[in-house]
Amino acid sequence: MSNATNTSSYLSNTTSSSSDPALKSCSARYAEACAALHGALDALAVEMYDYAYLQASAAGECARTCREAFGRRRPKVAYPVELARREEGLARLCTIALQIINQLVV
């Protein structure tokens, strides 16, 4: 969860000095990822595994939509290396969370 929180903070600081709509979109998506991960933890605490799985999946999707925001820009703008690194980290963490949730269901 700290990955999403740190990335959200990083983007908030970056967007305060930028008017780039793709960065602003990414900032919103990572804030949504944080909320989804909190929702997953809350669901795990009460053994609502289906909801936890849904929330962890949503967190990973939020990060992927950030990359898509850059792909839709015209003229095309390269996806920042730092965001790509952070996206990969969050994707790995979400995959691990999903695998753990799957094991809890069994």
N, C-alpha and C. Protein backbone atom coordinates (compact mmCIF):
# COMPACT_ATOMS: atom_id res chain seq x y z
N MET A 1 0.82 -1.18 0.00
CA MET A 1 0.00 0.00 0.00
C MET A 1 0.87 1.25 0.00
N SER A 2 2.03 1.15 0.63
CA SER A 2 2.89 2.33 0.68
C SER A 2 3.38 2.72 -0.71
N ASN A 3 3.50 1.73 -1.62
CA ASN A 3 3.89 2.03 -2.99
C ASN A 3 2.88 2.99 -3.62
N ALA A 4 1.61 2.66 -3.50
CA ALA A 4 0.56 3.51 -4.07
C ALA A 4 0.50 4.86 -3.37
N THR A 5 0.64 4.85 -2.05
CA THR A 5 0.61 6.10 -1.30
C THR A 5 1.79 6.99 -1.67
N ASN A 6 2.99 6.41 -1.74
CA ASN A 6 4.17 7.19 -2.11
C ASN A 6 4.06 7.73 -3.52
N THR A 7 3.53 6.93 -4.43
CA THR A 7 3.39 7.39 -5.81
C THR A 7 2.35 8.49 -5.90
N SER A 8 1.27 8.35 -5.15
CA SER A 8 0.25 9.40 -5.12
C SER A 8 0.85 10.71 -4.60
N SER A 9 1.65 10.63 -3.54
CA SER A 9 2.31 11.83 -3.01
C SER A 9 3.30 12.41 -4.01
N TYR A 10 4.07 11.54 -4.64
CA TYR A 10 5.03 11.97 -5.67
C TYR A 10 4.31 12.72 -6.78
N LEU A 11 3.19 12.16 -7.24
CA LEU A 11 2.44 12.80 -8.33
C LEU A 11 1.79 14.10 -7.87
N SER A 12 1.30 14.14 -6.64
CA SER A 12 0.71 15.37 -6.11
C SER A 12 1.74 16.50 -6.11
N ASN A 13 2.95 16.17 -5.69
CA ASN A 13 4.03 17.18 -5.68
C ASN A 13 4.40 17.59 -7.10
N THR A 14 4.41 16.62 -8.01
CA THR A 14 4.77 16.91 -9.40
C THR A 14 3.70 17.74 -10.09
N THR A 15 2.43 17.40 -9.85
CA THR A 15 1.35 18.11 -10.54
C THR A 15 1.15 19.52 -10.01
N SER A 16 1.62 19.79 -8.80
CA SER A 16 1.46 21.14 -8.27
C SER A 16 2.26 22.15 -9.08
N SER A 17 3.31 21.68 -9.76
CA SER A 17 4.12 22.58 -10.59
C SER A 17 3.92 22.31 -12.08
N SER A 18 2.89 21.53 -12.43
CA SER A 18 2.66 21.17 -13.83
C SER A 18 1.18 21.29 -14.15
N SER A 19 0.89 21.63 -15.39
CA SER A 19 -0.50 21.65 -15.83
C SER A 19 -0.79 20.47 -16.76
N ASP A 20 0.09 19.49 -16.79
CA ASP A 20 -0.04 18.32 -17.65
C ASP A 20 -1.26 17.49 -17.24
N PRO A 21 -2.26 17.37 -18.13
CA PRO A 21 -3.45 16.61 -17.78
C PRO A 21 -3.18 15.12 -17.53
N ALA A 22 -2.18 14.56 -18.20
CA ALA A 22 -1.85 13.16 -17.98
C ALA A 22 -1.32 12.94 -16.57
N LEU A 23 -0.49 13.86 -16.08
CA LEU A 23 0.01 13.75 -14.71
C LEU A 23 -1.12 13.91 -13.70
N LYS A 24 -2.01 14.83 -13.96
CA LYS A 24 -3.15 15.03 -13.06
C LYS A 24 -4.04 13.78 -13.04
N SER A 25 -4.24 13.17 -14.20
CA SER A 25 -5.01 11.93 -14.27
C SER A 25 -4.32 10.83 -13.48
N CYS A 26 -3.01 10.72 -13.62
CA CYS A 26 -2.25 9.70 -12.89
C CYS A 26 -2.36 9.92 -11.38
N SER A 27 -2.30 11.15 -10.96
CA SER A 27 -2.41 11.46 -9.54
C SER A 27 -3.75 10.96 -9.00
N ALA A 28 -4.81 11.22 -9.74
CA ALA A 28 -6.14 10.76 -9.33
C ALA A 28 -6.21 9.24 -9.32
N ARG A 29 -5.61 8.59 -10.32
CA ARG A 29 -5.66 7.12 -10.39
C ARG A 29 -4.91 6.49 -9.22
N TYR A 30 -3.77 7.03 -8.85
CA TYR A 30 -3.03 6.46 -7.73
C TYR A 30 -3.73 6.73 -6.40
N ALA A 31 -4.44 7.84 -6.29
CA ALA A 31 -5.25 8.07 -5.09
C ALA A 31 -6.36 7.01 -5.02
N GLU A 32 -6.95 6.67 -6.16
CA GLU A 32 -7.97 5.62 -6.21
C GLU A 32 -7.35 4.26 -5.86
N ALA A 33 -6.13 4.02 -6.31
CA ALA A 33 -5.45 2.76 -5.98
C ALA A 33 -5.26 2.65 -4.47
N CYS A 34 -4.89 3.74 -3.83
CA CYS A 34 -4.73 3.74 -2.37
C CYS A 34 -6.04 3.37 -1.68
N ALA A 35 -7.12 4.01 -2.14
CA ALA A 35 -8.43 3.73 -1.54
C ALA A 35 -8.83 2.27 -1.77
N ALA A 36 -8.55 1.75 -2.95
CA ALA A 36 -8.88 0.35 -3.25
C ALA A 36 -8.08 -0.60 -2.36
N LEU A 37 -6.81 -0.31 -2.14
CA LEU A 37 -6.01 -1.17 -1.28
C LEU A 37 -6.47 -1.11 0.17
N HIS A 38 -6.89 0.06 0.62
CA HIS A 38 -7.46 0.15 1.97
C HIS A 38 -8.74 -0.68 2.04
N GLY A 39 -9.54 -0.60 0.97
CA GLY A 39 -10.77 -1.41 0.92
C GLY A 39 -10.47 -2.89 0.96
N ALA A 40 -9.41 -3.31 0.28
CA ALA A 40 -9.01 -4.72 0.28
C ALA A 40 -8.61 -5.16 1.69
N LEU A 41 -7.85 -4.33 2.38
CA LEU A 41 -7.45 -4.67 3.76
C LEU A 41 -8.66 -4.76 4.68
N ASP A 42 -9.57 -3.81 4.54
CA ASP A 42 -10.78 -3.84 5.36
C ASP A 42 -11.59 -5.10 5.10
N ALA A 43 -11.69 -5.49 3.82
CA ALA A 43 -12.44 -6.69 3.46
C ALA A 43 -11.76 -7.95 4.00
N LEU A 44 -10.43 -7.98 3.94
CA LEU A 44 -9.71 -9.13 4.49
C LEU A 44 -9.95 -9.27 5.99
N ALA A 45 -10.03 -8.15 6.67
CA ALA A 45 -10.22 -8.17 8.13
C ALA A 45 -11.53 -8.84 8.53
N VAL A 46 -12.52 -8.80 7.64
CA VAL A 46 -13.82 -9.42 7.94
C VAL A 46 -14.08 -10.63 7.05
N GLU A 47 -13.01 -11.14 6.45
CA GLU A 47 -13.04 -12.35 5.63
C GLU A 47 -13.98 -12.26 4.43
N MET A 48 -14.08 -11.08 3.84
CA MET A 48 -14.85 -10.90 2.60
C MET A 48 -13.86 -11.00 1.44
N TYR A 49 -13.45 -12.21 1.13
CA TYR A 49 -12.36 -12.44 0.19
C TYR A 49 -12.69 -12.02 -1.23
N ASP A 50 -13.94 -12.20 -1.65
CA ASP A 50 -14.31 -11.78 -3.00
C ASP A 50 -14.15 -10.27 -3.17
N TYR A 51 -14.58 -9.54 -2.16
CA TYR A 51 -14.48 -8.08 -2.22
C TYR A 51 -13.01 -7.64 -2.13
N ALA A 52 -12.25 -8.32 -1.30
CA ALA A 52 -10.82 -8.01 -1.19
C ALA A 52 -10.13 -8.23 -2.53
N TYR A 53 -10.47 -9.32 -3.20
CA TYR A 53 -9.89 -9.62 -4.51
C TYR A 53 -10.26 -8.53 -5.51
N LEU A 54 -11.51 -8.14 -5.51
CA LEU A 54 -11.99 -7.09 -6.41
C LEU A 54 -11.23 -5.79 -6.18
N GLN A 55 -11.06 -5.43 -4.93
CA GLN A 55 -10.37 -4.17 -4.60
C GLN A 55 -8.89 -4.22 -4.97
N ALA A 56 -8.23 -5.34 -4.72
CA ALA A 56 -6.82 -5.47 -5.09
C ALA A 56 -6.66 -5.43 -6.60
N SER A 57 -7.59 -6.04 -7.32
CA SER A 57 -7.57 -5.97 -8.79
C SER A 57 -7.75 -4.54 -9.27
N ALA A 58 -8.66 -3.83 -8.64
CA ALA A 58 -8.92 -2.44 -9.02
C ALA A 58 -7.69 -1.56 -8.80
N ALA A 59 -6.95 -1.81 -7.74
CA ALA A 59 -5.74 -1.03 -7.47
C ALA A 59 -4.74 -1.19 -8.60
N GLY A 60 -4.55 -2.42 -9.06
CA GLY A 60 -3.63 -2.65 -10.17
C GLY A 60 -4.10 -1.99 -11.45
N GLU A 61 -5.39 -2.00 -11.67
CA GLU A 61 -5.96 -1.39 -12.87
C GLU A 61 -5.78 0.14 -12.85
N CYS A 62 -5.88 0.73 -11.68
CA CYS A 62 -5.69 2.18 -11.57
C CYS A 62 -4.31 2.58 -12.07
N ALA A 63 -3.31 1.80 -11.72
CA ALA A 63 -1.94 2.10 -12.16
C ALA A 63 -1.82 1.96 -13.67
N ARG A 64 -2.45 0.93 -14.23
CA ARG A 64 -2.37 0.73 -15.69
C ARG A 64 -3.04 1.87 -16.45
N THR A 65 -4.11 2.43 -15.91
CA THR A 65 -4.79 3.52 -16.61
C THR A 65 -3.93 4.78 -16.64
N CYS A 66 -3.01 4.89 -15.71
CA CYS A 66 -2.08 6.02 -15.73
C CYS A 66 -1.25 5.97 -17.01
N ARG A 67 -0.70 4.81 -17.31
CA ARG A 67 0.10 4.64 -18.54
C ARG A 67 -0.75 4.98 -19.78
N GLU A 68 -1.99 4.55 -19.77
CA GLU A 68 -2.88 4.80 -20.91
C GLU A 68 -3.13 6.29 -21.11
N ALA A 69 -3.15 7.05 -20.02
CA ALA A 69 -3.36 8.49 -20.14
C ALA A 69 -2.25 9.14 -20.96
N PHE A 70 -1.04 8.63 -20.81
CA PHE A 70 0.08 9.16 -21.59
C PHE A 70 -0.01 8.71 -23.04
N GLY A 71 -0.52 7.51 -23.27
CA GLY A 71 -0.64 6.98 -24.63
C GLY A 71 -1.67 7.72 -25.47
N ARG A 72 -2.66 8.33 -24.81
CA ARG A 72 -3.72 9.05 -25.53
C ARG A 72 -3.34 10.50 -25.85
N ARG A 73 -2.25 10.97 -25.30
CA ARG A 73 -1.87 12.37 -25.51
C ARG A 73 -1.44 12.61 -26.94
N ARG A 74 -1.78 13.75 -27.46
CA ARG A 74 -1.32 14.18 -28.78
C ARG A 74 -0.74 15.56 -28.63
N PRO A 75 0.48 15.83 -29.00
CA PRO A 75 1.43 14.84 -29.51
C PRO A 75 1.78 13.85 -28.40
N LYS A 76 2.20 12.68 -28.82
CA LYS A 76 2.52 11.62 -27.88
C LYS A 76 3.67 12.03 -26.97
N VAL A 77 3.54 11.71 -25.71
CA VAL A 77 4.56 12.04 -24.72
C VAL A 77 5.04 10.72 -24.11
N ALA A 78 6.33 10.62 -23.93
CA ALA A 78 6.90 9.40 -23.35
C ALA A 78 6.41 9.23 -21.92
N TYR A 79 6.15 8.00 -21.56
CA TYR A 79 5.75 7.67 -20.19
C TYR A 79 6.97 7.84 -19.30
N PRO A 80 6.89 8.66 -18.26
CA PRO A 80 8.06 8.91 -17.40
C PRO A 80 8.62 7.61 -16.79
N VAL A 81 9.92 7.50 -16.82
CA VAL A 81 10.60 6.30 -16.32
C VAL A 81 10.26 6.05 -14.86
N GLU A 82 10.20 7.10 -14.07
CA GLU A 82 9.89 6.94 -12.64
C GLU A 82 8.48 6.39 -12.44
N LEU A 83 7.54 6.84 -13.24
CA LEU A 83 6.18 6.31 -13.13
C LEU A 83 6.12 4.85 -13.59
N ALA A 84 6.86 4.52 -14.63
CA ALA A 84 6.90 3.13 -15.10
C ALA A 84 7.44 2.22 -14.01
N ARG A 85 8.48 2.66 -13.34
CA ARG A 85 9.08 1.87 -12.25
C ARG A 85 8.08 1.68 -11.12
N ARG A 86 7.39 2.74 -10.77
CA ARG A 86 6.41 2.67 -9.68
C ARG A 86 5.21 1.81 -10.08
N GLU A 87 4.79 1.92 -11.33
CA GLU A 87 3.67 1.11 -11.81
C GLU A 87 4.02 -0.38 -11.73
N GLU A 88 5.22 -0.72 -12.17
CA GLU A 88 5.65 -2.12 -12.12
C GLU A 88 5.67 -2.64 -10.68
N GLY A 89 6.14 -1.82 -9.76
CA GLY A 89 6.16 -2.22 -8.36
C GLY A 89 4.76 -2.46 -7.82
N LEU A 90 3.84 -1.56 -8.12
CA LEU A 90 2.47 -1.72 -7.64
C LEU A 90 1.82 -2.94 -8.29
N ALA A 91 2.08 -3.15 -9.56
CA ALA A 91 1.52 -4.32 -10.25
C ALA A 91 2.00 -5.61 -9.61
N ARG A 92 3.28 -5.68 -9.27
CA ARG A 92 3.82 -6.88 -8.60
C ARG A 92 3.16 -7.08 -7.24
N LEU A 93 3.02 -6.01 -6.49
CA LEU A 93 2.40 -6.12 -5.17
C LEU A 93 0.94 -6.55 -5.27
N CYS A 94 0.22 -6.01 -6.24
CA CYS A 94 -1.18 -6.40 -6.42
C CYS A 94 -1.28 -7.87 -6.83
N THR A 95 -0.38 -8.32 -7.68
CA THR A 95 -0.37 -9.73 -8.09
C THR A 95 -0.14 -10.63 -6.88
N ILE A 96 0.79 -10.26 -6.03
CA ILE A 96 1.07 -11.04 -4.82
C ILE A 96 -0.16 -11.04 -3.91
N ALA A 97 -0.78 -9.88 -3.74
CA ALA A 97 -1.98 -9.79 -2.90
C ALA A 97 -3.08 -10.70 -3.44
N LEU A 98 -3.27 -10.70 -4.75
CA LEU A 98 -4.30 -11.54 -5.36
C LEU A 98 -4.00 -13.02 -5.14
N GLN A 99 -2.75 -13.39 -5.24
CA GLN A 99 -2.37 -14.78 -5.01
C GLN A 99 -2.62 -15.19 -3.56
N ILE A 100 -2.33 -14.30 -2.64
CA ILE A 100 -2.57 -14.59 -1.22
C ILE A 100 -4.07 -14.72 -0.97
N ILE A 101 -4.85 -13.83 -1.52
CA ILE A 101 -6.30 -13.91 -1.35
C ILE A 101 -6.84 -15.20 -1.91
N ASN A 102 -6.33 -15.60 -3.07
CA ASN A 102 -6.75 -16.88 -3.65
C ASN A 102 -6.46 -18.04 -2.70
N GLN A 103 -5.34 -18.00 -2.02
CA GLN A 103 -4.99 -19.06 -1.07
C GLN A 103 -5.92 -19.05 0.16
N LEU A 104 -6.37 -17.90 0.54
CA LEU A 104 -7.28 -17.81 1.69
C LEU A 104 -8.65 -18.38 1.38
N VAL A 105 -9.05 -18.29 0.14
CA VAL A 105 -10.36 -18.78 -0.28
C VAL A 105 -10.40 -20.31 -0.26
N VAL A 106 -9.28 -20.93 -0.55
CA VAL A 106 -9.24 -22.39 -0.64
C VAL A 106 -9.42 -23.06 0.69
